[in-house]
Amino acid sequence: MAVETELKFRVPARKLKTLVRPRIAGSRSDKPSESNLVSTYFDTAKHKLKRRGLSLRIRQDGRGYVQTIKAAGGTQFDRGEWETELDNDEPDLSKADNTPLEAIASRKLRRKLKPVFETSVRRITVPLRMKQSEIVLAIDRGQTTVGHRSRPIGEIELELKSGQRLDLFRLARALERTAGAELDLRSKSEHGYELASDQEHLVVSAEHIVLEPEFTSGEAFRVIARAAFRHFSSNADAVREGEPEGIHQMRVGLRRLRTAISLFSKILDRPSTEEAKAQLKWLANELAPARELDVFIKEEIEPASHDALLRRGGKVIRQEFSRNRDRAFARARTAVSSTRYRVLLIDTLQWIEAKQTISAADEGGPIGQFAAALLCRRLRKLRKSGRRLDEMSAAERHKVRIRAKKIRYAIDFFESLFSSKREQRQLARQSKHLKRIQDALGSLNDFVAHRRLAVDAALKAPHRKERTRAFASGVVLGREEQAIKPLIKIATKEVRGLGKI
C-alpha cells in the first residue's frame, strides 16, 4: 500500500501553463515530464464502492494498464492507494487482496461492475525541492466524460514525497498568490460521480463520521474538523451558482466546525484557534443575509403576497425583499470567489493539521470517555436552562437554541462511539428532542430577524409606498406573533423530555 499526502487545487485555465516552470521563492524545480493518462472508473449501478468510500479505476498511460484501488480521503488527510499492473483494461478483483475492497470482492460484484465515467488528461509532472522536502507538482488538463456529457479538468496536485507537511502548505500559499489556486479536496472520482449524477453543481451534505474508541481527543478532533472542512468547502460552486441549499449547507459546515472548536476548546491552542475562528466567522457573516432573506421570502413574504387582504402591499414588499435577496446572494458569491476565501481554506486546513494546534491531545482520556462526560454535562445544563423559556428574552432563548444545536452536532460527531442498541436508541431519542427544540427556538429567532427586516423596509420606503409597505409588513409580523406562545410551549415540552446518556 502507498500512502498519498497531497493537496488538490483548481486553477484558472489561463494560469496552468505558467506553472510548468514555477518560480517559487525557497524552492527549485527539476525538468518536467509529460504523459497522457486515460482512466476508467468502475462501480455498480447503485455505486456500491462510492458508498463505502472506495474508488476503482483502470489507468492506461501508454505503457500498459494499472488497476488502482483508493480509500476516499474523507476525514483523513492521508489516504491509502493500492496499485496492481494488469494485462488489459478489465478490473481484476483477484488482485484486491489486502485492500479495503477485499471484504466485498466477489464474483457477484465483478459481474455488476461497469464503467461509470472516464477521465482523460495531459499531465505535466514537475519535481520540486523545498528545504528538506521533496514535492511533486502535477498539472492536469483534460476532461471527464460520462456518455455524451463532459466537463473540463483544470487542476494541480501537490504530493509530499518526503519531508514536512508545512512545506506543502508553503507551496500552496505561493500557488494561490501566483495562480489563484483554490484548494479543492475533492478527488477526480468525486467530480466524476457528480457528473454521472447529472447535477451541474452538487450540493454536499455532512458526511458520516467514524471515530475509534482508542482515539485521543486530539485525534478525534482532527477527524471531525476535516469532515466539517470538506462539508463547507465542497459547496463553494453551489454558492457561486446562487443555490439556496448550497448556501445553507456551507453555513451548516461552518457551524459544525465552529461547534467542534467549542466542544474541544480545552485541548486547543488558544491564539491560533482564535485566529481560525475569526476567519470562519467572517465567512459565516458573509453568507448569513442570503440565507436569512431567502427563508423570510419563502416562508412569509410569498404566502402573504397571495393574500387578498394585502393586495398591492404584498406585491410591493415581495419585490423589495427579492431585490435585497439578490444583493445578498451576490455578496455570498463575491465572498467565496475572493482571495480572502482562498487563503482561508489553506490557513484553516493547515491549522487543523498542525501539531501545535492540539495543546493537550489526551485531556479527558480516550475519546469515548471524553464524549460521554461532555454529553452528560451539556445535557444537564440544557435541561436546567430550558425550564423557564417562557420567562426569557429573545436573546436568552437564542442562547438556549445554540446550546441545543451544539449538543445535537456533538451526538452526530460521537455516535459511532456508542455501539450498543440501547445506547443507539438513547442517542436517537435525544437527537429527536434536540431537533424539535432547535426548530421551535429557531422559528422564534427567525421572528426577531424578520421583525428587523420588515421594520427596516417600512422605515426606508419612499413616501408614496410607505403606508402600503408598512401595512403589509405589519400583517406578516402579526401572523408570526400569534405563533410565539405555541412554539415556546413545544420547546419547553421537548426540554423536559431530555434524559441522560
Protein backbone atom coordinates (compact mmCIF):
# COMPACT_ATOMS: atom_id res chain seq x y z
CA MET A 1 0.00 0.00 0.00
CA ALA A 2 1.16 3.51 -0.83
CA VAL A 3 0.02 6.47 1.26
CA GLU A 4 -0.70 9.74 -0.50
CA THR A 5 -0.23 13.05 1.29
CA GLU A 6 -1.48 15.61 -1.17
CA LEU A 7 -3.37 18.83 -1.73
CA LYS A 8 -5.53 19.44 -4.79
CA PHE A 9 -6.34 22.81 -6.33
CA ARG A 10 -8.48 24.23 -9.07
CA VAL A 11 -6.67 26.74 -11.23
CA PRO A 12 -7.97 29.06 -13.99
CA ALA A 13 -7.06 27.54 -17.38
CA ARG A 14 -5.04 30.59 -18.42
CA LYS A 15 -2.78 30.14 -15.38
CA LEU A 16 -1.95 26.45 -15.79
CA LYS A 17 0.80 26.96 -18.37
CA THR A 18 2.65 29.39 -16.12
CA LEU A 19 3.16 26.63 -13.56
CA VAL A 20 5.22 24.36 -15.82
CA ARG A 21 8.33 26.18 -14.65
CA PRO A 22 7.15 27.69 -11.38
CA ARG A 23 9.09 30.48 -9.76
CA ILE A 24 8.52 29.99 -6.08
CA ALA A 25 10.82 31.55 -3.51
CA GLY A 26 12.71 28.97 -1.47
CA SER A 27 12.18 26.13 -3.96
CA ARG A 28 13.83 24.75 -7.04
CA SER A 29 12.32 22.63 -9.77
CA ASP A 30 13.72 19.79 -11.89
CA LYS A 31 12.96 19.11 -15.53
CA PRO A 32 9.24 18.49 -16.10
CA SER A 33 7.91 15.34 -17.77
CA GLU A 34 4.67 14.80 -19.69
CA SER A 35 2.27 11.90 -20.08
CA ASN A 36 -1.22 11.16 -21.36
CA LEU A 37 -3.42 9.39 -18.81
CA VAL A 38 -6.75 7.77 -19.62
CA SER A 39 -8.58 6.38 -16.59
CA THR A 40 -11.85 4.46 -16.44
CA TYR A 41 -13.66 4.32 -13.09
CA PHE A 42 -15.79 1.27 -12.32
CA ASP A 43 -18.70 0.77 -9.93
CA THR A 44 -22.10 -0.89 -9.69
CA ALA A 45 -25.31 0.73 -10.91
CA LYS A 46 -26.07 1.75 -7.31
CA HIS A 47 -22.49 2.99 -6.73
CA LYS A 48 -21.70 0.45 -4.02
CA LEU A 49 -17.99 1.29 -3.99
CA LYS A 50 -18.62 5.02 -3.67
CA ARG A 51 -20.98 4.45 -0.74
CA ARG A 52 -18.19 2.55 1.01
CA GLY A 53 -15.67 5.32 0.42
CA LEU A 54 -13.76 3.41 -2.28
CA SER A 55 -12.82 4.01 -5.90
CA LEU A 56 -11.65 1.52 -8.51
CA ARG A 57 -10.00 2.68 -11.70
CA ILE A 58 -8.03 1.23 -14.60
CA ARG A 59 -5.46 3.68 -15.98
CA GLN A 60 -3.66 3.45 -19.31
CA ASP A 61 -0.55 5.57 -19.57
CA GLY A 62 0.89 4.40 -22.87
CA ARG A 63 2.97 1.57 -21.40
CA GLY A 64 0.25 -0.64 -20.00
CA TYR A 65 -2.67 -0.86 -17.60
CA VAL A 66 -2.68 -0.22 -13.87
CA GLN A 67 -5.55 -1.06 -11.52
CA THR A 68 -5.80 1.35 -8.60
CA ILE A 69 -7.97 0.98 -5.51
CA LYS A 70 -8.25 4.07 -3.33
CA ALA A 71 -9.80 4.68 0.03
CA ALA A 72 -11.57 8.04 -0.23
CA GLY A 73 -9.83 10.88 1.59
CA GLY A 74 -12.90 11.72 3.63
CA THR A 75 -11.94 12.54 7.19
CA GLN A 76 -8.27 11.58 6.78
CA PHE A 77 -5.55 13.87 5.47
CA ASP A 78 -3.61 10.92 4.03
CA ARG A 79 -5.28 8.20 2.01
CA GLY A 80 -4.40 4.65 1.05
CA GLU A 81 -3.67 3.64 -2.53
CA TRP A 82 -3.19 0.09 -3.85
CA GLU A 83 -1.84 -0.39 -7.40
CA THR A 84 -1.52 -3.54 -9.50
CA GLU A 85 -0.38 -3.97 -13.10
CA LEU A 86 -2.87 -5.65 -15.44
CA ASP A 87 -2.75 -7.19 -18.90
CA ASN A 88 -5.92 -5.47 -20.13
CA ASP A 89 -8.48 -2.82 -19.25
CA GLU A 90 -10.82 -5.06 -17.24
CA PRO A 91 -10.94 -5.00 -13.40
CA ASP A 92 -9.33 -7.98 -11.67
CA LEU A 93 -10.78 -8.44 -8.18
CA SER A 94 -8.46 -11.38 -7.50
CA LYS A 95 -5.79 -8.72 -7.01
CA ALA A 96 -7.79 -6.89 -4.37
CA ASP A 97 -6.33 -8.94 -1.51
CA ASN A 98 -5.14 -6.90 1.47
CA THR A 99 -7.10 -3.86 0.29
CA PRO A 100 -10.37 -2.35 1.61
CA LEU A 101 -12.10 -3.83 -1.44
CA GLU A 102 -11.27 -7.41 -0.38
CA ALA A 103 -14.18 -7.60 2.07
CA ILE A 104 -16.77 -7.19 -0.70
CA ALA A 105 -14.85 -8.60 -3.69
CA SER A 106 -16.95 -11.45 -5.09
CA ARG A 107 -17.99 -12.90 -8.43
CA LYS A 108 -21.36 -11.22 -7.99
CA LEU A 109 -19.70 -7.82 -7.51
CA ARG A 110 -17.45 -8.41 -10.54
CA ARG A 111 -20.49 -9.12 -12.71
CA LYS A 112 -22.12 -5.88 -11.55
CA LEU A 113 -19.11 -3.64 -12.15
CA LYS A 114 -19.35 -1.37 -15.15
CA PRO A 115 -17.64 1.83 -16.35
CA VAL A 116 -19.19 4.89 -14.71
CA PHE A 117 -17.04 7.66 -16.17
CA GLU A 118 -13.68 8.28 -17.84
CA THR A 119 -11.01 10.92 -17.32
CA SER A 120 -8.53 11.84 -20.00
CA VAL A 121 -5.73 14.24 -19.03
CA ARG A 122 -2.43 15.57 -20.27
CA ARG A 123 -0.25 15.55 -17.14
CA ILE A 124 2.86 17.62 -16.67
CA THR A 125 4.87 16.49 -13.65
CA VAL A 126 7.32 18.90 -12.04
CA PRO A 127 9.59 17.64 -9.21
CA LEU A 128 10.15 20.35 -6.59
CA ARG A 129 12.52 20.67 -3.68
CA MET A 130 11.83 22.97 -0.76
CA LYS A 131 14.23 22.93 2.20
CA GLN A 132 14.28 19.27 3.29
CA SER A 133 11.10 18.30 1.42
CA GLU A 134 10.53 16.63 -1.95
CA ILE A 135 7.21 17.53 -3.50
CA VAL A 136 5.72 16.64 -6.87
CA LEU A 137 3.60 19.22 -8.70
CA ALA A 138 1.21 17.58 -11.16
CA ILE A 139 -0.58 19.81 -13.68
CA ASP A 140 -3.63 18.17 -15.26
CA ARG A 141 -5.62 19.41 -18.24
CA GLY A 142 -8.30 17.34 -19.89
CA GLN A 143 -11.88 16.27 -19.35
CA THR A 144 -14.20 13.90 -17.53
CA THR A 145 -16.69 12.09 -19.76
CA VAL A 146 -19.97 10.34 -19.00
CA GLY A 147 -21.72 9.16 -22.14
CA HIS A 148 -22.22 12.23 -24.33
CA ARG A 149 -21.61 14.67 -21.48
CA SER A 150 -18.23 16.02 -20.44
CA ARG A 151 -16.67 18.52 -18.06
CA PRO A 152 -13.22 20.12 -18.34
CA ILE A 153 -10.43 19.29 -15.90
CA GLY A 154 -8.01 22.05 -14.95
CA GLU A 155 -6.28 21.28 -11.68
CA ILE A 156 -2.99 20.79 -9.93
CA GLU A 157 -1.86 18.43 -7.20
CA LEU A 158 0.92 18.82 -4.68
CA GLU A 159 2.08 15.45 -3.35
CA LEU A 160 4.52 15.25 -0.49
CA LYS A 161 7.05 12.52 -1.27
CA SER A 162 9.25 13.19 1.75
CA GLY A 163 9.76 15.95 4.29
CA GLN A 164 7.45 18.26 6.20
CA ARG A 165 3.75 18.97 5.68
CA LEU A 166 4.49 22.60 6.48
CA ASP A 167 6.40 22.89 3.19
CA LEU A 168 3.31 21.58 1.38
CA PHE A 169 1.30 24.48 2.78
CA ARG A 170 4.06 26.98 1.99
CA LEU A 171 3.87 25.94 -1.65
CA ALA A 172 0.07 26.08 -1.50
CA ARG A 173 0.19 29.73 -0.46
CA ALA A 174 2.65 30.54 -3.23
CA LEU A 175 0.39 28.91 -5.82
CA GLU A 176 -2.62 30.82 -4.51
CA ARG A 177 -0.72 34.11 -4.90
CA THR A 178 0.75 33.41 -8.34
CA ALA A 179 -2.05 31.42 -10.00
CA GLY A 180 -5.22 31.99 -7.97
CA ALA A 181 -5.21 28.31 -6.97
CA GLU A 182 -8.23 27.29 -4.89
CA LEU A 183 -7.93 24.34 -2.54
CA ASP A 184 -10.38 21.59 -3.50
CA LEU A 185 -10.07 18.35 -1.54
CA ARG A 186 -12.49 16.51 -3.78
CA SER A 187 -10.86 13.88 -5.96
CA LYS A 188 -11.34 13.29 -9.69
CA SER A 189 -13.57 10.37 -8.79
CA GLU A 190 -15.85 12.61 -6.69
CA HIS A 191 -16.15 15.10 -9.54
CA GLY A 192 -16.81 12.21 -11.91
CA TYR A 193 -19.64 10.84 -9.77
CA GLU A 194 -21.08 14.36 -9.62
CA LEU A 195 -21.16 14.49 -13.42
CA ALA A 196 -22.62 10.97 -13.54
CA SER A 197 -25.46 12.12 -11.27
CA ASP A 198 -26.31 14.73 -13.92
CA GLN A 199 -26.04 17.59 -11.46
CA GLU A 200 -24.00 20.58 -12.51
CA HIS A 201 -23.09 21.69 -9.00
CA LEU A 202 -23.96 19.06 -6.44
CA VAL A 203 -24.95 20.35 -3.02
CA VAL A 204 -22.91 18.45 -0.43
CA SER A 205 -24.29 17.43 2.97
CA ALA A 206 -22.41 16.37 6.10
CA GLU A 207 -20.66 13.02 5.85
CA HIS A 208 -20.89 10.26 8.43
CA ILE A 209 -18.10 10.42 10.99
CA VAL A 210 -16.46 7.27 12.35
CA LEU A 211 -14.31 7.53 15.49
CA GLU A 212 -12.38 4.68 17.08
CA PRO A 213 -12.77 4.29 20.88
CA GLU A 214 -8.99 4.30 21.33
CA PHE A 215 -8.59 7.69 19.66
CA THR A 216 -7.26 10.51 21.80
CA SER A 217 -9.33 13.65 21.99
CA GLY A 218 -6.85 15.34 19.64
CA GLU A 219 -7.17 12.59 17.01
CA ALA A 220 -10.95 12.72 17.23
CA PHE A 221 -10.98 16.49 16.85
CA ARG A 222 -8.96 16.29 13.62
CA VAL A 223 -11.30 13.69 12.11
CA ILE A 224 -14.35 15.83 12.95
CA ALA A 225 -12.72 19.09 11.82
CA ARG A 226 -11.62 17.61 8.47
CA ALA A 227 -15.15 16.38 7.80
CA ALA A 228 -16.61 19.81 8.56
CA PHE A 229 -13.95 21.47 6.39
CA ARG A 230 -14.83 19.24 3.43
CA HIS A 231 -18.52 19.92 4.08
CA PHE A 232 -18.37 23.69 3.82
CA SER A 233 -15.64 23.95 1.16
CA SER A 234 -17.34 21.45 -1.16
CA ASN A 235 -20.35 23.76 -1.52
CA ALA A 236 -18.44 26.73 -2.95
CA ASP A 237 -19.61 26.09 -6.53
CA ALA A 238 -23.24 25.81 -5.44
CA VAL A 239 -22.91 29.16 -3.63
CA ARG A 240 -21.40 30.77 -6.73
CA GLU A 241 -24.34 29.49 -8.75
CA GLY A 242 -26.82 31.03 -6.31
CA GLU A 243 -28.17 27.73 -4.99
CA PRO A 244 -30.04 28.47 -1.73
CA GLU A 245 -29.39 24.94 -0.44
CA GLY A 246 -25.69 25.33 -1.25
CA ILE A 247 -25.54 28.44 0.92
CA HIS A 248 -27.41 26.61 3.68
CA GLN A 249 -25.06 23.61 3.57
CA MET A 250 -21.94 25.79 3.55
CA ARG A 251 -23.27 27.56 6.66
CA VAL A 252 -24.04 24.20 8.31
CA GLY A 253 -20.49 23.02 7.59
CA LEU A 254 -19.08 26.19 9.12
CA ARG A 255 -21.30 25.80 12.19
CA ARG A 256 -20.21 22.20 12.62
CA LEU A 257 -16.55 23.21 12.53
CA ARG A 258 -17.12 26.07 14.97
CA THR A 259 -19.05 23.68 17.22
CA ALA A 260 -16.17 21.20 17.15
CA ILE A 261 -13.85 24.02 18.20
CA SER A 262 -16.18 24.83 21.10
CA LEU A 263 -16.51 21.20 22.23
CA PHE A 264 -12.75 20.61 22.18
CA SER A 265 -11.71 24.11 23.31
CA LYS A 266 -9.80 22.82 26.35
CA ILE A 267 -7.29 20.89 24.22
CA LEU A 268 -6.74 23.53 21.51
CA ASP A 269 -4.01 26.14 21.36
CA ARG A 270 -5.83 29.38 22.15
CA PRO A 271 -4.02 32.03 19.98
CA SER A 272 -4.10 30.03 16.72
CA THR A 273 -7.64 28.86 17.41
CA GLU A 274 -8.90 32.41 17.93
CA GLU A 275 -7.41 33.40 14.59
CA ALA A 276 -9.08 30.46 12.83
CA LYS A 277 -12.42 31.27 14.50
CA ALA A 278 -12.23 34.88 13.32
CA GLN A 279 -11.81 33.80 9.69
CA LEU A 280 -14.65 31.29 9.89
CA LYS A 281 -16.90 33.90 11.48
CA TRP A 282 -16.15 36.32 8.62
CA LEU A 283 -17.30 33.76 6.04
CA ALA A 284 -20.39 32.85 8.06
CA ASN A 285 -21.36 36.54 8.28
CA GLU A 286 -20.98 36.96 4.51
CA LEU A 287 -23.43 34.10 3.91
CA ALA A 288 -25.96 34.91 6.65
CA PRO A 289 -28.02 37.65 4.91
CA ALA A 290 -28.63 35.47 1.85
CA ARG A 291 -29.98 32.60 3.93
CA GLU A 292 -31.98 34.91 6.21
CA LEU A 293 -33.70 36.71 3.35
CA ASP A 294 -34.33 33.55 1.37
CA VAL A 295 -36.13 31.94 4.32
CA PHE A 296 -38.14 35.11 5.05
CA ILE A 297 -39.33 35.42 1.45
CA LYS A 298 -40.25 31.74 1.06
CA GLU A 299 -41.93 31.29 4.43
CA GLU A 300 -43.57 34.67 4.99
CA ILE A 301 -43.48 37.13 2.10
CA GLU A 302 -44.57 34.84 -0.74
CA PRO A 303 -47.59 33.42 1.14
CA ALA A 304 -48.54 36.94 2.27
CA SER A 305 -48.28 38.32 -1.27
CA HIS A 306 -51.11 36.00 -2.35
CA ASP A 307 -53.39 37.20 0.44
CA ALA A 308 -56.29 39.25 -0.94
CA LEU A 309 -56.23 41.36 2.22
CA LEU A 310 -52.83 42.78 1.32
CA ARG A 311 -53.45 43.43 -2.38
CA ARG A 312 -50.81 45.80 -3.70
CA GLY A 313 -48.85 45.87 -0.42
CA GLY A 314 -47.92 42.20 -0.67
CA LYS A 315 -46.57 42.65 -4.18
CA VAL A 316 -44.57 45.72 -3.14
CA ILE A 317 -42.78 44.03 -0.24
CA ARG A 318 -42.15 40.88 -2.31
CA GLN A 319 -40.41 42.91 -4.99
CA GLU A 320 -38.39 44.84 -2.41
CA PHE A 321 -37.22 41.78 -0.50
CA SER A 322 -36.47 39.90 -3.72
CA ARG A 323 -34.08 42.69 -4.73
CA ASN A 324 -32.49 42.55 -1.28
CA ARG A 325 -32.11 38.79 -1.60
CA ASP A 326 -30.40 39.15 -4.98
CA ARG A 327 -27.91 41.58 -3.44
CA ALA A 328 -27.29 39.20 -0.52
CA PHE A 329 -26.67 36.27 -2.88
CA ALA A 330 -24.23 38.43 -4.85
CA ARG A 331 -22.42 39.21 -1.59
CA ALA A 332 -22.11 35.49 -0.79
CA ARG A 333 -20.85 34.78 -4.32
CA THR A 334 -18.25 37.54 -4.03
CA ALA A 335 -17.04 36.17 -0.70
CA VAL A 336 -16.36 32.63 -1.98
CA SER A 337 -14.73 33.98 -5.14
CA SER A 338 -12.29 36.20 -3.24
CA THR A 339 -8.61 35.94 -2.42
CA ARG A 340 -9.55 36.04 1.27
CA TYR A 341 -11.63 32.88 0.87
CA ARG A 342 -8.83 31.01 -0.95
CA VAL A 343 -6.37 31.97 1.78
CA LEU A 344 -8.91 30.98 4.46
CA LEU A 345 -9.08 27.46 3.01
CA ILE A 346 -5.31 26.97 3.17
CA ASP A 347 -4.95 28.57 6.60
CA THR A 348 -7.82 26.57 8.10
CA LEU A 349 -6.63 23.21 6.80
CA GLN A 350 -3.08 23.91 7.96
CA TRP A 351 -4.44 24.89 11.38
CA ILE A 352 -6.36 21.60 11.59
CA GLU A 353 -3.26 19.57 10.66
CA ALA A 354 -0.61 21.49 12.62
CA LYS A 355 0.87 19.67 15.62
CA GLN A 356 0.83 22.91 17.62
CA THR A 357 -2.97 23.19 17.30
CA ILE A 358 -3.52 20.39 19.81
CA SER A 359 -2.09 21.57 23.11
CA ALA A 360 -3.30 18.63 25.20
CA ALA A 361 -4.26 15.70 22.99
CA ASP A 362 -5.05 13.30 25.85
CA GLU A 363 -7.05 15.60 28.10
CA GLY A 364 -10.24 13.90 29.18
CA GLY A 365 -8.83 10.43 28.46
CA PRO A 366 -9.82 8.29 25.44
CA ILE A 367 -12.42 9.90 23.20
CA GLY A 368 -15.18 7.52 24.36
CA GLN A 369 -14.75 8.68 27.94
CA PHE A 370 -14.39 12.32 26.84
CA ALA A 371 -17.57 12.16 24.72
CA ALA A 372 -19.75 10.54 27.39
CA ALA A 373 -18.72 13.10 30.02
CA LEU A 374 -19.21 16.02 27.63
CA LEU A 375 -22.70 14.94 26.52
CA CYS A 376 -23.87 14.35 30.09
CA ARG A 377 -22.58 17.71 31.25
CA ARG A 378 -24.10 19.69 28.38
CA LEU A 379 -27.46 17.94 28.54
CA ARG A 380 -27.67 18.66 32.26
CA LYS A 381 -27.04 22.37 31.65
CA LEU A 382 -29.62 22.47 28.84
CA ARG A 383 -32.30 20.85 30.99
CA LYS A 384 -31.63 23.38 33.73
CA SER A 385 -31.64 26.46 31.49
CA GLY A 386 -34.65 25.31 29.47
CA ARG A 387 -37.06 25.18 32.38
CA ARG A 388 -38.04 28.85 32.14
CA LEU A 389 -38.17 29.53 28.40
CA ASP A 390 -41.40 31.49 28.78
CA GLU A 391 -39.64 33.97 31.10
CA MET A 392 -36.64 34.53 28.87
CA SER A 393 -35.86 37.36 26.49
CA ALA A 394 -35.36 36.60 22.79
CA ALA A 395 -31.58 36.83 23.26
CA GLU A 396 -31.65 34.34 26.15
CA ARG A 397 -33.79 31.87 24.17
CA HIS A 398 -31.33 32.20 21.29
CA LYS A 399 -28.51 31.07 23.61
CA VAL A 400 -30.56 28.02 24.63
CA ARG A 401 -31.10 27.22 20.95
CA ILE A 402 -27.36 27.42 20.25
CA ARG A 403 -26.73 25.14 23.23
CA ALA A 404 -29.21 22.57 21.88
CA LYS A 405 -27.72 22.75 18.41
CA LYS A 406 -24.19 22.12 19.71
CA ILE A 407 -25.35 19.04 21.61
CA ARG A 408 -27.13 17.73 18.53
CA TYR A 409 -23.97 18.17 16.45
CA ALA A 410 -21.96 16.51 19.25
CA ILE A 411 -24.25 13.47 19.05
CA ASP A 412 -23.60 13.33 15.29
CA PHE A 413 -19.85 13.54 15.90
CA PHE A 414 -19.73 10.88 18.63
CA GLU A 415 -22.47 8.49 17.51
CA SER A 416 -20.02 5.79 16.30
CA LEU A 417 -18.57 5.52 19.82
CA PHE A 418 -21.88 4.24 21.26
CA SER A 419 -22.32 0.83 19.69
CA SER A 420 -24.96 -0.97 21.77
CA LYS A 421 -28.58 -0.94 20.66
CA ARG A 422 -29.64 0.66 23.94
CA GLU A 423 -27.12 3.49 23.51
CA GLN A 424 -28.16 3.99 19.89
CA ARG A 425 -31.82 4.24 20.90
CA GLN A 426 -30.97 6.74 23.62
CA LEU A 427 -28.97 8.89 21.21
CA ALA A 428 -31.73 8.79 18.59
CA ARG A 429 -34.31 9.84 21.20
CA GLN A 430 -32.13 12.69 22.46
CA SER A 431 -31.42 13.85 18.94
CA LYS A 432 -35.15 13.91 18.14
CA HIS A 433 -35.88 16.06 21.19
CA LEU A 434 -32.98 18.38 20.35
CA LYS A 435 -34.14 18.74 16.75
CA ARG A 436 -37.61 19.83 17.91
CA ILE A 437 -36.11 22.28 20.42
CA GLN A 438 -33.84 23.67 17.73
CA ASP A 439 -36.69 24.02 15.22
CA ALA A 440 -39.07 25.73 17.67
CA LEU A 441 -36.49 28.14 19.04
CA GLY A 442 -35.10 28.64 15.54
CA SER A 443 -38.51 29.84 14.39
CA LEU A 444 -38.62 32.25 17.33
CA ASN A 445 -35.16 33.52 16.39
CA ASP A 446 -36.32 33.94 12.78
CA PHE A 447 -39.21 36.08 14.03
CA VAL A 448 -36.72 38.50 15.59
CA ALA A 449 -34.79 38.70 12.32
CA HIS A 450 -37.98 39.07 10.30
CA ARG A 451 -39.19 41.89 12.55
CA ARG A 452 -35.94 43.74 11.96
CA LEU A 453 -36.17 43.25 8.19
CA ALA A 454 -39.80 44.30 7.98
CA VAL A 455 -39.41 47.39 10.16
CA ASP A 456 -36.29 48.43 8.26
CA ALA A 457 -38.11 48.08 4.94
CA ALA A 458 -41.08 50.13 6.16
CA LEU A 459 -38.89 52.93 7.50
CA LYS A 460 -36.85 53.17 4.32
CA ALA A 461 -39.82 53.08 1.96
CA PRO A 462 -40.48 56.06 -0.37
CA HIS A 463 -43.29 58.24 0.96
CA ARG A 464 -45.80 57.13 -1.66
CA LYS A 465 -45.30 53.48 -0.73
CA GLU A 466 -44.79 53.93 2.98
CA ARG A 467 -48.31 53.14 4.15
CA THR A 468 -48.72 50.21 1.77
CA ARG A 469 -45.46 48.59 2.77
CA ALA A 470 -45.89 49.27 6.48
CA PHE A 471 -49.36 47.72 6.44
CA ALA A 472 -48.17 44.59 4.62
CA SER A 473 -45.19 44.24 6.94
CA GLY A 474 -47.46 44.61 9.94
CA VAL A 475 -49.72 41.80 8.72
CA VAL A 476 -46.71 39.48 8.31
CA LEU A 477 -45.40 40.30 11.78
CA GLY A 478 -48.86 39.89 13.30
CA ARG A 479 -49.12 36.36 11.95
CA GLU A 480 -45.72 35.47 13.38
CA GLU A 481 -46.63 36.98 16.76
CA GLN A 482 -49.53 34.55 17.08
CA ALA A 483 -47.13 31.59 16.78
CA ILE A 484 -44.75 32.61 19.59
CA LYS A 485 -46.54 31.06 22.60
CA PRO A 486 -47.21 27.67 20.93
CA LEU A 487 -43.55 27.44 19.91
CA ILE A 488 -42.31 28.18 23.42
CA LYS A 489 -44.69 25.50 24.71
CA ILE A 490 -43.29 22.96 22.25
CA ALA A 491 -39.68 23.77 23.12
CA THR A 492 -40.39 23.56 26.88
CA LYS A 493 -42.04 20.16 26.47
CA GLU A 494 -39.08 18.81 24.47
CA VAL A 495 -36.56 20.08 27.03
CA ARG A 496 -38.42 18.17 29.73
CA GLY A 497 -38.26 15.07 27.57
CA LEU A 498 -34.45 15.06 27.50
CA GLY A 499 -32.98 12.23 29.52
CA LYS A 500 -29.49 11.16 30.48
CA ILE A 501 -26.86 9.35 28.42
